[in-house]
Amino acid sequence: MSMDKETVRKVAGLARIQMDDAELETMAPQLSKIIDWIEQLAEVDTDNVEPLANVVNINLALREDKITDGDCADKVLANAPEDVQGFFVVSKVVE
């Protein structure tokens, strides 16, 4: 796919990027090459390729999902300058 200067100008406008005519002339062939490369990637047959989470074949170390702390509101609130009914008291920041 070939991108002309007007198409690049439109894309730049949509992206809120200000470009002068010299930049548009430079960018048009570069964007065309990028789009050609993407089209080339789309031609790759990936039907029998399983998705993977990691490029190396390692197993992730998993741990049991259990609560290891909590129920320590008194300890946490001991550091608060002021608390009310188990909550921190903060000063009003918006009038």
PDB file of N, CA and C in Angstrom:
ATOM      1  N   MET A   1       0.846  -1.180   0.000  1.00  0.00           N
ATOM      2  CA  MET A   1       0.000   0.000   0.000  1.00  0.00           C
ATOM      3  C   MET A   1       0.887   1.237   0.000  1.00  0.00           C
ATOM      4  N   SER A   2       0.519   2.159  -0.802  1.00  0.00           N
ATOM      5  CA  SER A   2       1.301   3.387  -0.907  1.00  0.00           C
ATOM      6  C   SER A   2       0.565   4.524  -0.209  1.00  0.00           C
ATOM      7  N   MET A   3       1.287   5.242   0.608  1.00  0.00           N
ATOM      8  CA  MET A   3       0.695   6.388   1.291  1.00  0.00           C
ATOM      9  C   MET A   3       1.209   7.661   0.640  1.00  0.00           C
ATOM     10  N   ASP A   4       0.286   8.499   0.228  1.00  0.00           N
ATOM     11  CA  ASP A   4       0.695   9.772  -0.359  1.00  0.00           C
ATOM     12  C   ASP A   4       0.722  10.852   0.723  1.00  0.00           C
ATOM     13  N   LYS A   5       1.162  12.024   0.311  1.00  0.00           N
ATOM     14  CA  LYS A   5       1.349  13.118   1.256  1.00  0.00           C
ATOM     15  C   LYS A   5       0.031  13.536   1.903  1.00  0.00           C
ATOM     16  N   GLU A   6      -1.058  13.503   1.156  1.00  0.00           N
ATOM     17  CA  GLU A   6      -2.350  13.933   1.702  1.00  0.00           C
ATOM     18  C   GLU A   6      -2.876  12.930   2.744  1.00  0.00           C
ATOM     19  N   THR A   7      -2.639  11.659   2.513  1.00  0.00           N
ATOM     20  CA  THR A   7      -3.046  10.647   3.485  1.00  0.00           C
ATOM     21  C   THR A   7      -2.254  10.806   4.780  1.00  0.00           C
ATOM     22  N   VAL A   8      -0.962  11.055   4.643  1.00  0.00           N
ATOM     23  CA  VAL A   8      -0.128  11.279   5.832  1.00  0.00           C
ATOM     24  C   VAL A   8      -0.587  12.531   6.557  1.00  0.00           C
ATOM     25  N   ARG A   9      -0.956  13.567   5.815  1.00  0.00           N
ATOM     26  CA  ARG A   9      -1.445  14.813   6.430  1.00  0.00           C
ATOM     27  C   ARG A   9      -2.724  14.528   7.227  1.00  0.00           C
ATOM     28  N   LYS A  10      -3.619  13.694   6.655  1.00  0.00           N
ATOM     29  CA  LYS A  10      -4.872  13.372   7.337  1.00  0.00           C
ATOM     30  C   LYS A  10      -4.595  12.568   8.610  1.00  0.00           C
ATOM     31  N   VAL A  11      -3.713  11.560   8.527  1.00  0.00           N
ATOM     32  CA  VAL A  11      -3.374  10.753   9.697  1.00  0.00           C
ATOM     33  C   VAL A  11      -2.711  11.618  10.760  1.00  0.00           C
ATOM     34  N   ALA A  12      -1.824  12.492  10.351  1.00  0.00           N
ATOM     35  CA  ALA A  12      -1.158  13.391  11.303  1.00  0.00           C
ATOM     36  C   ALA A  12      -2.186  14.291  11.989  1.00  0.00           C
ATOM     37  N   GLY A  13      -3.169  14.760  11.228  1.00  0.00           N
ATOM     38  CA  GLY A  13      -4.217  15.596  11.811  1.00  0.00           C
ATOM     39  C   GLY A  13      -5.045  14.828  12.829  1.00  0.00           C
ATOM     40  N   LEU A  14      -5.383  13.569  12.490  1.00  0.00           N
ATOM     41  CA  LEU A  14      -6.152  12.750  13.428  1.00  0.00           C
ATOM     42  C   LEU A  14      -5.365  12.477  14.699  1.00  0.00           C
ATOM     43  N   ALA A  15      -4.041  12.353  14.566  1.00  0.00           N
ATOM     44  CA  ALA A  15      -3.182  12.094  15.724  1.00  0.00           C
ATOM     45  C   ALA A  15      -2.771  13.384  16.422  1.00  0.00           C
ATOM     46  N   ARG A  16      -3.245  14.496  15.909  1.00  0.00           N
ATOM     47  CA  ARG A  16      -2.901  15.817  16.470  1.00  0.00           C
ATOM     48  C   ARG A  16      -1.394  16.053  16.445  1.00  0.00           C
ATOM     49  N   ILE A  17      -0.750  15.664  15.314  1.00  0.00           N
ATOM     50  CA  ILE A  17       0.678  15.872  15.126  1.00  0.00           C
ATOM     51  C   ILE A  17       0.839  16.926  14.039  1.00  0.00           C
ATOM     52  N   GLN A  18       1.509  17.988  14.356  1.00  0.00           N
ATOM     53  CA  GLN A  18       1.721  19.054  13.384  1.00  0.00           C
ATOM     54  C   GLN A  18       2.977  18.746  12.569  1.00  0.00           C
ATOM     55  N   MET A  19       2.812  18.719  11.239  1.00  0.00           N
ATOM     56  CA  MET A  19       3.934  18.410  10.351  1.00  0.00           C
ATOM     57  C   MET A  19       3.942  19.408   9.197  1.00  0.00           C
ATOM     58  N   ASP A  20       5.144  19.864   8.837  1.00  0.00           N
ATOM     59  CA  ASP A  20       5.241  20.735   7.667  1.00  0.00           C
ATOM     60  C   ASP A  20       5.376  19.871   6.410  1.00  0.00           C
ATOM     61  N   ASP A  21       5.390  20.511   5.228  1.00  0.00           N
ATOM     62  CA  ASP A  21       5.417  19.775   3.959  1.00  0.00           C
ATOM     63  C   ASP A  21       6.666  18.907   3.812  1.00  0.00           C
ATOM     64  N   ALA A  22       7.801  19.366   4.289  1.00  0.00           N
ATOM     65  CA  ALA A  22       9.034  18.581   4.178  1.00  0.00           C
ATOM     66  C   ALA A  22       8.932  17.304   5.008  1.00  0.00           C
ATOM     67  N   GLU A  23       8.350  17.414   6.205  1.00  0.00           N
ATOM     68  CA  GLU A  23       8.173  16.233   7.053  1.00  0.00           C
ATOM     69  C   GLU A  23       7.182  15.256   6.436  1.00  0.00           C
ATOM     70  N   LEU A  24       6.130  15.784   5.807  1.00  0.00           N
ATOM     71  CA  LEU A  24       5.148  14.926   5.151  1.00  0.00           C
ATOM     72  C   LEU A  24       5.780  14.161   3.994  1.00  0.00           C
ATOM     73  N   GLU A  25       6.633  14.837   3.225  1.00  0.00           N
ATOM     74  CA  GLU A  25       7.321  14.186   2.097  1.00  0.00           C
ATOM     75  C   GLU A  25       8.238  13.074   2.592  1.00  0.00           C
ATOM     76  N   THR A  26       8.888  13.284   3.728  1.00  0.00           N
ATOM     77  CA  THR A  26       9.790  12.284   4.294  1.00  0.00           C
ATOM     78  C   THR A  26       9.017  11.117   4.898  1.00  0.00           C
ATOM     79  N   MET A  27       7.904  11.432   5.531  1.00  0.00           N
ATOM     80  CA  MET A  27       7.152  10.421   6.269  1.00  0.00           C
ATOM     81  C   MET A  27       6.354   9.498   5.347  1.00  0.00           C
ATOM     82  N   ALA A  28       5.884   9.978   4.207  1.00  0.00           N
ATOM     83  CA  ALA A  28       5.033   9.169   3.319  1.00  0.00           C
ATOM     84  C   ALA A  28       5.703   7.859   2.899  1.00  0.00           C
ATOM     85  N   PRO A  29       6.931   7.862   2.369  1.00  0.00           N
ATOM     86  CA  PRO A  29       7.537   6.577   1.997  1.00  0.00           C
ATOM     87  C   PRO A  29       7.866   5.696   3.209  1.00  0.00           C
ATOM     88  N   GLN A  30       8.191   6.310   4.338  1.00  0.00           N
ATOM     89  CA  GLN A  30       8.485   5.525   5.531  1.00  0.00           C
ATOM     90  C   GLN A  30       7.236   4.784   6.014  1.00  0.00           C
ATOM     91  N   LEU A  31       6.112   5.479   6.037  1.00  0.00           N
ATOM     92  CA  LEU A  31       4.867   4.839   6.454  1.00  0.00           C
ATOM     93  C   LEU A  31       4.439   3.777   5.450  1.00  0.00           C
ATOM     94  N   SER A  32       4.696   3.995   4.180  1.00  0.00           N
ATOM     95  CA  SER A  32       4.378   2.993   3.159  1.00  0.00           C
ATOM     96  C   SER A  32       5.172   1.714   3.405  1.00  0.00           C
ATOM     97  N   LYS A  33       6.445   1.853   3.740  1.00  0.00           N
ATOM     98  CA  LYS A  33       7.275   0.678   4.024  1.00  0.00           C
ATOM     99  C   LYS A  33       6.775  -0.058   5.265  1.00  0.00           C
ATOM    100  N   ILE A  34       6.354   0.687   6.279  1.00  0.00           N
ATOM    101  CA  ILE A  34       5.840   0.069   7.506  1.00  0.00           C
ATOM    102  C   ILE A  34       4.566  -0.713   7.204  1.00  0.00           C
ATOM    103  N   ILE A  35       3.673  -0.130   6.421  1.00  0.00           N
ATOM    104  CA  ILE A  35       2.423  -0.806   6.087  1.00  0.00           C
ATOM    105  C   ILE A  35       2.698  -2.034   5.218  1.00  0.00           C
ATOM    106  N   ASP A  36       3.646  -1.940   4.297  1.00  0.00           N
ATOM    107  CA  ASP A  36       4.026  -3.102   3.488  1.00  0.00           C
ATOM    108  C   ASP A  36       4.555  -4.223   4.372  1.00  0.00           C
ATOM    109  N   TRP A  37       5.340  -3.883   5.373  1.00  0.00           N
ATOM    110  CA  TRP A  37       5.884  -4.882   6.291  1.00  0.00           C
ATOM    111  C   TRP A  37       4.761  -5.546   7.084  1.00  0.00           C
ATOM    112  N   ILE A  38       3.785  -4.770   7.525  1.00  0.00           N
ATOM    113  CA  ILE A  38       2.646  -5.319   8.264  1.00  0.00           C
ATOM    114  C   ILE A  38       1.841  -6.253   7.369  1.00  0.00           C
ATOM    115  N   GLU A  39       1.650  -5.878   6.108  1.00  0.00           N
ATOM    116  CA  GLU A  39       0.948  -6.747   5.169  1.00  0.00           C
ATOM    117  C   GLU A  39       1.718  -8.047   4.959  1.00  0.00           C
ATOM    118  N   GLN A  40       3.043  -7.966   4.940  1.00  0.00           N
ATOM    119  CA  GLN A  40       3.871  -9.162   4.793  1.00  0.00           C
ATOM    120  C   GLN A  40       3.703 -10.069   6.024  1.00  0.00           C
ATOM    121  N   LEU A  41       3.624  -9.488   7.203  1.00  0.00           N
ATOM    122  CA  LEU A  41       3.405 -10.278   8.416  1.00  0.00           C
ATOM    123  C   LEU A  41       2.039 -10.960   8.395  1.00  0.00           C
ATOM    124  N   ALA A  42       1.041 -10.302   7.811  1.00  0.00           N
ATOM    125  CA  ALA A  42      -0.303 -10.873   7.752  1.00  0.00           C
ATOM    126  C   ALA A  42      -0.338 -12.118   6.872  1.00  0.00           C
ATOM    127  N   GLU A  43       0.617 -12.284   5.972  1.00  0.00           N
ATOM    128  CA  GLU A  43       0.659 -13.442   5.085  1.00  0.00           C
ATOM    129  C   GLU A  43       1.241 -14.684   5.757  1.00  0.00           C
ATOM    130  N   VAL A  44       1.847 -14.543   6.905  1.00  0.00           N
ATOM    131  CA  VAL A  44       2.470 -15.667   7.593  1.00  0.00           C
ATOM    132  C   VAL A  44       1.388 -16.614   8.105  1.00  0.00           C
ATOM    133  N   ASP A  45       1.553 -17.915   7.836  1.00  0.00           N
ATOM    134  CA  ASP A  45       0.600 -18.921   8.267  1.00  0.00           C
ATOM    135  C   ASP A  45       0.853 -19.265   9.741  1.00  0.00           C
ATOM    136  N   THR A  46      -0.093 -18.913  10.595  1.00  0.00           N
ATOM    137  CA  THR A  46       0.045 -19.174  12.033  1.00  0.00           C
ATOM    138  C   THR A  46      -1.067 -20.104  12.535  1.00  0.00           C
ATOM    139  N   ASP A  47      -1.672 -20.870  11.628  1.00  0.00           N
ATOM    140  CA  ASP A  47      -2.802 -21.726  12.013  1.00  0.00           C
ATOM    141  C   ASP A  47      -2.421 -22.775  13.050  1.00  0.00           C
ATOM    142  N   ASN A  48      -1.274 -23.403  12.919  1.00  0.00           N
ATOM    143  CA  ASN A  48      -0.890 -24.483  13.830  1.00  0.00           C
ATOM    144  C   ASN A  48       0.073 -24.029  14.921  1.00  0.00           C
ATOM    145  N   VAL A  49       0.134 -22.741  15.163  1.00  0.00           N
ATOM    146  CA  VAL A  49       1.035 -22.208  16.183  1.00  0.00           C
ATOM    147  C   VAL A  49       0.210 -21.859  17.416  1.00  0.00           C
ATOM    148  N   GLU A  50       0.556 -22.490  18.528  1.00  0.00           N
ATOM    149  CA  GLU A  50      -0.164 -22.212  19.768  1.00  0.00           C
ATOM    150  C   GLU A  50       0.325 -20.899  20.376  1.00  0.00           C
ATOM    151  N   PRO A  51      -0.585 -20.126  20.953  1.00  0.00           N
ATOM    152  CA  PRO A  51      -0.149 -18.906  21.641  1.00  0.00           C
ATOM    153  C   PRO A  51       0.737 -19.260  22.826  1.00  0.00           C
ATOM    154  N   LEU A  52       1.684 -18.399  23.136  1.00  0.00           N
ATOM    155  CA  LEU A  52       2.555 -18.666  24.270  1.00  0.00           C
ATOM    156  C   LEU A  52       2.726 -17.427  25.121  1.00  0.00           C
ATOM    157  N   ALA A  53       2.951 -17.680  26.387  1.00  0.00           N
ATOM    158  CA  ALA A  53       3.114 -16.583  27.336  1.00  0.00           C
ATOM    159  C   ALA A  53       4.555 -16.195  27.514  1.00  0.00           C
ATOM    160  N   ASN A  54       5.469 -17.068  27.052  1.00  0.00           N
ATOM    161  CA  ASN A  54       6.879 -16.811  27.249  1.00  0.00           C
ATOM    162  C   ASN A  54       7.640 -17.401  26.067  1.00  0.00           C
ATOM    163  N   VAL A  55       8.700 -16.743  25.624  1.00  0.00           N
ATOM    164  CA  VAL A  55       9.447 -17.236  24.469  1.00  0.00           C
ATOM    165  C   VAL A  55      10.377 -18.388  24.812  1.00  0.00           C
ATOM    166  N   VAL A  56      10.642 -18.605  26.070  1.00  0.00           N
ATOM    167  CA  VAL A  56      11.444 -19.753  26.490  1.00  0.00           C
ATOM    168  C   VAL A  56      10.520 -20.760  27.162  1.00  0.00           C
ATOM    169  N   ASN A  57      10.857 -22.014  27.071  1.00  0.00           N
ATOM    170  CA  ASN A  57       9.999 -23.063  27.593  1.00  0.00           C
ATOM    171  C   ASN A  57      10.288 -23.293  29.079  1.00  0.00           C
ATOM    172  N   ILE A  58       9.702 -22.440  29.919  1.00  0.00           N
ATOM    173  CA  ILE A  58       9.857 -22.595  31.362  1.00  0.00           C
ATOM    174  C   ILE A  58       8.478 -22.582  32.010  1.00  0.00           C
ATOM    175  N   ASN A  59       8.373 -23.221  33.136  1.00  0.00           N
ATOM    176  CA  ASN A  59       7.140 -23.190  33.905  1.00  0.00           C
ATOM    177  C   ASN A  59       7.231 -22.065  34.922  1.00  0.00           C
ATOM    178  N   LEU A  60       6.144 -21.324  35.025  1.00  0.00           N
ATOM    179  CA  LEU A  60       6.109 -20.247  35.995  1.00  0.00           C
ATOM    180  C   LEU A  60       5.886 -20.819  37.394  1.00  0.00           C
ATOM    181  N   ALA A  61       6.581 -20.273  38.347  1.00  0.00           N
ATOM    182  CA  ALA A  61       6.411 -20.708  39.730  1.00  0.00           C
ATOM    183  C   ALA A  61       5.122 -20.109  40.269  1.00  0.00           C
ATOM    184  N   LEU A  62       4.211 -20.967  40.641  1.00  0.00           N
ATOM    185  CA  LEU A  62       2.929 -20.509  41.166  1.00  0.00           C
ATOM    186  C   LEU A  62       2.878 -20.768  42.664  1.00  0.00           C
ATOM    187  N   ARG A  63       2.113 -19.976  43.343  1.00  0.00           N
ATOM    188  CA  ARG A  63       1.954 -20.180  44.773  1.00  0.00           C
ATOM    189  C   ARG A  63       0.467 -20.286  45.086  1.00  0.00           C
ATOM    190  N   GLU A  64       0.194 -20.857  46.220  1.00  0.00           N
ATOM    191  CA  GLU A  64      -1.189 -20.987  46.650  1.00  0.00           C
ATOM    192  C   GLU A  64      -1.735 -19.595  46.963  1.00  0.00           C
ATOM    193  N   ASP A  65      -2.943 -19.348  46.538  1.00  0.00           N
ATOM    194  CA  ASP A  65      -3.566 -18.049  46.762  1.00  0.00           C
ATOM    195  C   ASP A  65      -4.255 -18.062  48.119  1.00  0.00           C
ATOM    196  N   LYS A  66      -3.537 -17.575  49.122  1.00  0.00           N
ATOM    197  CA  LYS A  66      -4.106 -17.546  50.464  1.00  0.00           C
ATOM    198  C   LYS A  66      -3.756 -16.222  51.135  1.00  0.00           C
ATOM    199  N   ILE A  67      -4.585 -15.828  52.062  1.00  0.00           N
ATOM    200  CA  ILE A  67      -4.378 -14.585  52.795  1.00  0.00           C
ATOM    201  C   ILE A  67      -3.306 -14.834  53.858  1.00  0.00           C
ATOM    202  N   THR A  68      -2.266 -14.005  53.821  1.00  0.00           N
ATOM    203  CA  THR A  68      -1.179 -14.205  54.779  1.00  0.00           C
ATOM    204  C   THR A  68      -1.142 -13.128  55.852  1.00  0.00           C
ATOM    205  N   ASP A  69      -1.834 -12.049  55.631  1.00  0.00           N
ATOM    206  CA  ASP A  69      -1.919 -11.040  56.677  1.00  0.00           C
ATOM    207  C   ASP A  69      -3.284 -10.370  56.570  1.00  0.00           C
ATOM    208  N   GLY A  70      -3.520  -9.461  57.378  1.00  0.00           N
ATOM    209  CA  GLY A  70      -4.818  -8.807  57.417  1.00  0.00           C
ATOM    210  C   GLY A  70      -5.300  -8.793  58.850  1.00  0.00           C
ATOM    211  N   ASP A  71      -6.465  -8.296  59.018  1.00  0.00           N
ATOM    212  CA  ASP A  71      -7.055  -8.200  60.347  1.00  0.00           C
ATOM    213  C   ASP A  71      -6.099  -7.517  61.319  1.00  0.00           C
ATOM    214  N   CYS A  72      -5.425  -6.477  60.788  1.00  0.00           N
ATOM    215  CA  CYS A  72      -4.486  -5.744  61.643  1.00  0.00           C
ATOM    216  C   CYS A  72      -4.766  -4.240  61.558  1.00  0.00           C
ATOM    217  N   ALA A  73      -6.052  -3.907  61.488  1.00  0.00           N
ATOM    218  CA  ALA A  73      -6.430  -2.498  61.369  1.00  0.00           C
ATOM    219  C   ALA A  73      -5.891  -1.675  62.532  1.00  0.00           C
ATOM    220  N   ASP A  74      -5.857  -2.261  63.722  1.00  0.00           N
ATOM    221  CA  ASP A  74      -5.362  -1.521  64.893  1.00  0.00           C
ATOM    222  C   ASP A  74      -3.895  -1.133  64.722  1.00  0.00           C
ATOM    223  N   LYS A  75      -3.089  -2.046  64.180  1.00  0.00           N
ATOM    224  CA  LYS A  75      -1.667  -1.753  63.963  1.00  0.00           C
ATOM    225  C   LYS A  75      -1.496  -0.665  62.904  1.00  0.00           C
ATOM    226  N   VAL A  76      -2.298  -0.742  61.849  1.00  0.00           N
ATOM    227  CA  VAL A  76      -2.195   0.246  60.772  1.00  0.00           C
ATOM    228  C   VAL A  76      -2.654   1.611  61.271  1.00  0.00           C
ATOM    229  N   LEU A  77      -3.759   1.662  61.952  1.00  0.00           N
ATOM    230  CA  LEU A  77      -4.287   2.934  62.435  1.00  0.00           C
ATOM    231  C   LEU A  77      -3.444   3.521  63.562  1.00  0.00           C
ATOM    232  N   ALA A  78      -2.580   2.739  64.155  1.00  0.00           N
ATOM    233  CA  ALA A  78      -1.701   3.271  65.196  1.00  0.00           C
ATOM    234  C   ALA A  78      -0.761   4.326  64.625  1.00  0.00           C
ATOM    235  N   ASN A  79      -0.491   4.269  63.317  1.00  0.00           N
ATOM    236  CA  ASN A  79       0.380   5.253  62.668  1.00  0.00           C
ATOM    237  C   ASN A  79      -0.374   6.499  62.205  1.00  0.00           C
ATOM    238  N   ALA A  80      -1.686   6.471  62.257  1.00  0.00           N
ATOM    239  CA  ALA A  80      -2.486   7.595  61.754  1.00  0.00           C
ATOM    240  C   ALA A  80      -2.542   8.710  62.786  1.00  0.00           C
ATOM    241  N   PRO A  81      -2.419   9.954  62.327  1.00  0.00           N
ATOM    242  CA  PRO A  81      -2.541  11.063  63.269  1.00  0.00           C
ATOM    243  C   PRO A  81      -3.941  11.147  63.874  1.00  0.00           C
ATOM    244  N   GLU A  82      -4.957  10.720  63.081  1.00  0.00           N
ATOM    245  CA  GLU A  82      -6.334  10.761  63.572  1.00  0.00           C
ATOM    246  C   GLU A  82      -7.134   9.685  62.847  1.00  0.00           C
ATOM    247  N   ASP A  83      -7.985   8.975  63.586  1.00  0.00           N
ATOM    248  CA  ASP A  83      -8.854   7.981  62.967  1.00  0.00           C
ATOM    249  C   ASP A  83     -10.229   8.056  63.602  1.00  0.00           C
ATOM    250  N   VAL A  84     -11.234   7.665  62.823  1.00  0.00           N
ATOM    251  CA  VAL A  84     -12.610   7.643  63.304  1.00  0.00           C
ATOM    252  C   VAL A  84     -13.248   6.346  62.829  1.00  0.00           C
ATOM    253  N   GLN A  85     -13.769   5.577  63.732  1.00  0.00           N
ATOM    254  CA  GLN A  85     -14.484   4.324  63.455  1.00  0.00           C
ATOM    255  C   GLN A  85     -13.687   3.390  62.543  1.00  0.00           C
ATOM    256  N   GLY A  86     -12.383   3.313  62.737  1.00  0.00           N
ATOM    257  CA  GLY A  86     -11.560   2.389  61.979  1.00  0.00           C
ATOM    258  C   GLY A  86     -11.102   2.897  60.619  1.00  0.00           C
ATOM    259  N   PHE A  87     -11.231   4.199  60.386  1.00  0.00           N
ATOM    260  CA  PHE A  87     -10.808   4.786  59.119  1.00  0.00           C
ATOM    261  C   PHE A  87      -9.852   5.946  59.374  1.00  0.00           C
ATOM    262  N   PHE A  88      -8.958   6.195  58.394  1.00  0.00           N
ATOM    263  CA  PHE A  88      -8.086   7.366  58.460  1.00  0.00           C
ATOM    264  C   PHE A  88      -8.926   8.624  58.293  1.00  0.00           C
ATOM    265  N   VAL A  89      -8.546   9.668  58.980  1.00  0.00           N
ATOM    266  CA  VAL A  89      -9.189  10.976  58.792  1.00  0.00           C
ATOM    267  C   VAL A  89      -8.203  11.827  58.003  1.00  0.00           C
ATOM    268  N   VAL A  90      -8.667  12.361  56.868  1.00  0.00           N
ATOM    269  CA  VAL A  90      -7.843  13.221  56.048  1.00  0.00           C
ATOM    270  C   VAL A  90      -8.515  14.560  55.898  1.00  0.00           C
ATOM    271  N   SER A  91      -7.694  15.583  55.712  1.00  0.00           N
ATOM    272  CA  SER A  91      -8.273  16.924  55.576  1.00  0.00           C
ATOM    273  C   SER A  91      -8.906  17.090  54.198  1.00  0.00           C
ATOM    274  N   LYS A  92      -9.863  17.963  54.128  1.00  0.00           N
ATOM    275  CA  LYS A  92     -10.578  18.233  52.890  1.00  0.00           C
ATOM    276  C   LYS A  92      -9.632  18.951  51.927  1.00  0.00           C
ATOM    277  N   VAL A  93      -9.551  18.460  50.678  1.00  0.00           N
ATOM    278  CA  VAL A  93      -8.656  19.068  49.713  1.00  0.00           C
ATOM    279  C   VAL A  93      -9.399  19.805  48.605  1.00  0.00           C
ATOM    280  N   VAL A  94     -10.694  19.573  48.462  1.00  0.00           N
ATOM    281  CA  VAL A  94     -11.483  20.240  47.438  1.00  0.00           C
ATOM    282  C   VAL A  94     -12.552  21.069  48.149  1.00  0.00           C
ATOM    283  N   GLU A  95     -12.640  22.300  47.780  1.00  0.00           N
ATOM    284  CA  GLU A  95     -13.639  23.184  48.381  1.00  0.00           C
ATOM    285  C   GLU A  95     -14.950  23.079  47.644  1.00  0.00           C
TER     286      GLU A  95
END
